[in-house]
Amino acid sequence: MINNEYKYSDLTSQIIGSAMKVHSALGNGFQEVIYQRALEIEMTDEGISFKREYNMPVFYKNQQIGTRRVDFLVEGIIAVELKAIIQLEDVHLAQAINYLEAYDLEIGLLINFGAKSLQFKRVQNKKFNQKNQGNPKIN
């Protein structure tokens, strides 16, 4: 699962591995919050540093215009969005990319627990501001 061509590959692989353990134990069919709580336990057990339901500001032209709560902000660099739906759609992928752009984060994961098999997508912010690397617009 680790592809060293991808930035933060080790960390994203750890997160996906934790999600796989949760999905394997619980299966599909629960509400998103149940998977969120289980993933919180699993990532804590794995020693992954994160903030759950982290309120992040949304900026437009360098002005804060609102906030959005990301399901998990892992090590201050990876946004993780969870879903519990039958099938991921393009709109969910676009939403995850929009969040990365709004937060000026480079990498994110979209994880769906609602399908029979765990679904996950690694998303990248092509507009990532290299100057802010390691220092995203996070309060």
C-alpha atoms as a PDB file:
ATOM      1  CA  MET A   1       0.000   0.000   0.000  1.00  0.00           C
ATOM      2  CA  ILE A   2       2.976   2.323   0.479  1.00  0.00           C
ATOM      3  CA  ASN A   3       3.953   4.104  -2.723  1.00  0.00           C
ATOM      4  CA  ASN A   4       7.017   6.214  -2.046  1.00  0.00           C
ATOM      5  CA  GLU A   5       6.221   8.395  -5.079  1.00  0.00           C
ATOM      6  CA  TYR A   6       3.417   9.949  -3.017  1.00  0.00           C
ATOM      7  CA  LYS A   7       4.124  12.569  -0.409  1.00  0.00           C
ATOM      8  CA  TYR A   8       3.408  11.383   3.152  1.00  0.00           C
ATOM      9  CA  SER A   9       2.918   7.850   1.830  1.00  0.00           C
ATOM     10  CA  ASP A  10       3.931   6.209   5.130  1.00  0.00           C
ATOM     11  CA  LEU A  11       1.414   8.267   7.103  1.00  0.00           C
ATOM     12  CA  THR A  12      -1.454   7.903   4.623  1.00  0.00           C
ATOM     13  CA  SER A  13      -0.816   4.146   4.577  1.00  0.00           C
ATOM     14  CA  GLN A  14      -1.038   4.043   8.376  1.00  0.00           C
ATOM     15  CA  ILE A  15      -4.345   5.942   8.292  1.00  0.00           C
ATOM     16  CA  ILE A  16      -5.769   3.642   5.597  1.00  0.00           C
ATOM     17  CA  GLY A  17      -4.576   0.604   7.553  1.00  0.00           C
ATOM     18  CA  SER A  18      -6.394   1.872  10.636  1.00  0.00           C
ATOM     19  CA  ALA A  19      -9.550   2.425   8.575  1.00  0.00           C
ATOM     20  CA  MET A  20      -9.276  -1.123   7.193  1.00  0.00           C
ATOM     21  CA  LYS A  21      -9.132  -2.524  10.726  1.00  0.00           C
ATOM     22  CA  VAL A  22     -12.254  -0.535  11.651  1.00  0.00           C
ATOM     23  CA  HIS A  23     -14.135  -1.633   8.528  1.00  0.00           C
ATOM     24  CA  SER A  24     -13.081  -5.238   9.026  1.00  0.00           C
ATOM     25  CA  ALA A  25     -14.414  -5.202  12.598  1.00  0.00           C
ATOM     26  CA  LEU A  26     -17.613  -3.211  12.035  1.00  0.00           C
ATOM     27  CA  GLY A  27     -18.497  -3.830   8.388  1.00  0.00           C
ATOM     28  CA  ASN A  28     -20.753  -1.361   6.627  1.00  0.00           C
ATOM     29  CA  GLY A  29     -24.145  -0.016   7.636  1.00  0.00           C
ATOM     30  CA  PHE A  30     -23.415   2.286  10.545  1.00  0.00           C
ATOM     31  CA  GLN A  31     -23.666   6.062  10.649  1.00  0.00           C
ATOM     32  CA  GLU A  32     -20.524   8.055   9.907  1.00  0.00           C
ATOM     33  CA  VAL A  33     -20.083   9.099  13.551  1.00  0.00           C
ATOM     34  CA  ILE A  34     -19.686   5.440  14.609  1.00  0.00           C
ATOM     35  CA  TYR A  35     -16.797   4.981  12.171  1.00  0.00           C
ATOM     36  CA  GLN A  36     -15.348   8.302  13.257  1.00  0.00           C
ATOM     37  CA  ARG A  37     -15.285   7.204  16.891  1.00  0.00           C
ATOM     38  CA  ALA A  38     -13.833   3.793  16.021  1.00  0.00           C
ATOM     39  CA  LEU A  39     -11.157   5.330  13.797  1.00  0.00           C
ATOM     40  CA  GLU A  40     -10.260   7.711  16.621  1.00  0.00           C
ATOM     41  CA  ILE A  41      -9.624   4.706  18.878  1.00  0.00           C
ATOM     42  CA  GLU A  42      -7.659   2.829  16.205  1.00  0.00           C
ATOM     43  CA  MET A  43      -5.425   5.766  15.259  1.00  0.00           C
ATOM     44  CA  THR A  44      -4.747   6.474  18.936  1.00  0.00           C
ATOM     45  CA  ASP A  45      -3.725   2.833  19.395  1.00  0.00           C
ATOM     46  CA  GLU A  46      -1.428   3.164  16.350  1.00  0.00           C
ATOM     47  CA  GLY A  47       0.223   6.294  17.788  1.00  0.00           C
ATOM     48  CA  ILE A  48      -1.017   8.575  15.020  1.00  0.00           C
ATOM     49  CA  SER A  49      -1.288  12.224  16.115  1.00  0.00           C
ATOM     50  CA  PHE A  50      -4.555  13.897  15.058  1.00  0.00           C
ATOM     51  CA  LYS A  51      -7.355  16.258  15.937  1.00  0.00           C
ATOM     52  CA  ARG A  52     -10.924  15.043  15.448  1.00  0.00           C
ATOM     53  CA  GLU A  53     -13.661  17.327  14.109  1.00  0.00           C
ATOM     54  CA  TYR A  54     -11.143  20.118  13.854  1.00  0.00           C
ATOM     55  CA  ASN A  55     -12.681  23.512  13.057  1.00  0.00           C
ATOM     56  CA  MET A  56     -10.680  25.008  10.214  1.00  0.00           C
ATOM     57  CA  PRO A  57     -11.089  28.470   8.727  1.00  0.00           C
ATOM     58  CA  VAL A  58     -12.068  28.856   5.075  1.00  0.00           C
ATOM     59  CA  PHE A  59     -10.356  31.706   3.239  1.00  0.00           C
ATOM     60  CA  TYR A  60     -11.148  33.671   0.124  1.00  0.00           C
ATOM     61  CA  LYS A  61      -8.574  36.196  -1.099  1.00  0.00           C
ATOM     62  CA  ASN A  62      -6.759  35.908   2.224  1.00  0.00           C
ATOM     63  CA  GLN A  63      -9.888  36.766   4.191  1.00  0.00           C
ATOM     64  CA  GLN A  64     -11.595  34.293   6.475  1.00  0.00           C
ATOM     65  CA  ILE A  65     -15.160  33.828   5.246  1.00  0.00           C
ATOM     66  CA  GLY A  66     -16.233  30.944   7.447  1.00  0.00           C
ATOM     67  CA  THR A  67     -15.229  27.676   9.003  1.00  0.00           C
ATOM     68  CA  ARG A  68     -15.579  24.002   8.160  1.00  0.00           C
ATOM     69  CA  ARG A  69     -15.026  21.069  10.431  1.00  0.00           C
ATOM     70  CA  VAL A  70     -12.694  18.438   9.012  1.00  0.00           C
ATOM     71  CA  ASP A  71     -13.317  14.904  10.335  1.00  0.00           C
ATOM     72  CA  PHE A  72      -9.626  14.435  11.164  1.00  0.00           C
ATOM     73  CA  LEU A  73      -6.577  16.631  10.778  1.00  0.00           C
ATOM     74  CA  VAL A  74      -3.662  14.214  11.016  1.00  0.00           C
ATOM     75  CA  GLU A  75      -0.310  15.558  12.191  1.00  0.00           C
ATOM     76  CA  GLY A  76      -1.376  19.012  11.002  1.00  0.00           C
ATOM     77  CA  ILE A  77      -0.773  18.048   7.361  1.00  0.00           C
ATOM     78  CA  ILE A  78      -3.401  15.564   6.148  1.00  0.00           C
ATOM     79  CA  ALA A  79      -7.141  16.172   6.053  1.00  0.00           C
ATOM     80  CA  VAL A  80      -9.229  12.999   6.385  1.00  0.00           C
ATOM     81  CA  GLU A  81     -12.883  13.098   5.357  1.00  0.00           C
ATOM     82  CA  LEU A  82     -15.110  10.153   6.193  1.00  0.00           C
ATOM     83  CA  LYS A  83     -18.259   8.987   4.463  1.00  0.00           C
ATOM     84  CA  ALA A  84     -20.702   6.171   5.212  1.00  0.00           C
ATOM     85  CA  ILE A  85     -22.489   5.915   1.876  1.00  0.00           C
ATOM     86  CA  ILE A  86     -23.129   3.119  -0.611  1.00  0.00           C
ATOM     87  CA  GLN A  87     -20.782   4.494  -3.262  1.00  0.00           C
ATOM     88  CA  LEU A  88     -18.354   7.408  -3.514  1.00  0.00           C
ATOM     89  CA  GLU A  89     -19.270   9.820  -6.277  1.00  0.00           C
ATOM     90  CA  ASP A  90     -17.244  12.451  -8.123  1.00  0.00           C
ATOM     91  CA  VAL A  91     -18.969  15.151  -6.052  1.00  0.00           C
ATOM     92  CA  HIS A  92     -17.405  13.723  -2.860  1.00  0.00           C
ATOM     93  CA  LEU A  93     -13.962  13.754  -4.444  1.00  0.00           C
ATOM     94  CA  ALA A  94     -14.463  17.340  -5.613  1.00  0.00           C
ATOM     95  CA  GLN A  95     -15.596  18.301  -2.104  1.00  0.00           C
ATOM     96  CA  ALA A  96     -12.443  16.804  -0.565  1.00  0.00           C
ATOM     97  CA  ILE A  97     -10.228  18.664  -3.042  1.00  0.00           C
ATOM     98  CA  ASN A  98     -12.093  21.917  -2.368  1.00  0.00           C
ATOM     99  CA  TYR A  99     -11.445  21.505   1.352  1.00  0.00           C
ATOM    100  CA  LEU A 100      -7.724  21.039   0.735  1.00  0.00           C
ATOM    101  CA  GLU A 101      -7.649  24.192  -1.360  1.00  0.00           C
ATOM    102  CA  ALA A 102      -9.611  26.184   1.214  1.00  0.00           C
ATOM    103  CA  TYR A 103      -7.304  24.988   4.028  1.00  0.00           C
ATOM    104  CA  ASP A 104      -4.139  25.215   1.900  1.00  0.00           C
ATOM    105  CA  LEU A 105      -3.251  21.613   2.726  1.00  0.00           C
ATOM    106  CA  GLU A 106      -1.456  19.497   0.152  1.00  0.00           C
ATOM    107  CA  ILE A 107      -2.740  15.972   0.857  1.00  0.00           C
ATOM    108  CA  GLY A 108      -6.027  14.478   1.974  1.00  0.00           C
ATOM    109  CA  LEU A 109      -7.830  11.162   2.220  1.00  0.00           C
ATOM    110  CA  LEU A 110     -11.462  10.466   1.428  1.00  0.00           C
ATOM    111  CA  ILE A 111     -12.534   7.245   3.149  1.00  0.00           C
ATOM    112  CA  ASN A 112     -15.909   5.545   2.699  1.00  0.00           C
ATOM    113  CA  PHE A 113     -17.051   2.943   5.225  1.00  0.00           C
ATOM    114  CA  GLY A 114     -20.521   2.493   3.659  1.00  0.00           C
ATOM    115  CA  ALA A 115     -19.571   0.107   0.865  1.00  0.00           C
ATOM    116  CA  LYS A 116     -19.093  -3.648   1.309  1.00  0.00           C
ATOM    117  CA  SER A 117     -15.344  -3.092   0.939  1.00  0.00           C
ATOM    118  CA  LEU A 118     -13.602  -0.036   2.345  1.00  0.00           C
ATOM    119  CA  GLN A 119     -13.174   2.655  -0.311  1.00  0.00           C
ATOM    120  CA  PHE A 120     -10.485   5.296  -0.108  1.00  0.00           C
ATOM    121  CA  LYS A 121      -9.082   7.985  -2.359  1.00  0.00           C
ATOM    122  CA  ARG A 122      -5.908   9.953  -1.883  1.00  0.00           C
ATOM    123  CA  VAL A 123      -6.446  13.549  -2.980  1.00  0.00           C
ATOM    124  CA  GLN A 124      -3.882  16.220  -3.707  1.00  0.00           C
ATOM    125  CA  ASN A 125      -4.212  19.982  -3.810  1.00  0.00           C
ATOM    126  CA  LYS A 126      -2.660  21.037  -7.124  1.00  0.00           C
ATOM    127  CA  LYS A 127      -2.911  24.673  -5.979  1.00  0.00           C
ATOM    128  CA  PHE A 128      -0.965  24.021  -2.775  1.00  0.00           C
ATOM    129  CA  ASN A 129       1.046  27.082  -1.732  1.00  0.00           C
ATOM    130  CA  GLN A 130       4.580  25.788  -1.271  1.00  0.00           C
ATOM    131  CA  LYS A 131       5.461  28.865   0.828  1.00  0.00           C
ATOM    132  CA  ASN A 132       3.016  27.728   3.511  1.00  0.00           C
ATOM    133  CA  GLN A 133       4.245  24.138   3.543  1.00  0.00           C
ATOM    134  CA  GLY A 134       4.156  22.815   7.072  1.00  0.00           C
ATOM    135  CA  ASN A 135       2.258  25.939   8.154  1.00  0.00           C
ATOM    136  CA  PRO A 136      -1.271  25.716   6.689  1.00  0.00           C
ATOM    137  CA  LYS A 137      -3.933  28.309   7.444  1.00  0.00           C
ATOM    138  CA  ILE A 138      -5.049  26.645  10.648  1.00  0.00           C
ATOM    139  CA  ASN A 139      -5.915  28.367  13.899  1.00  0.00           C
END
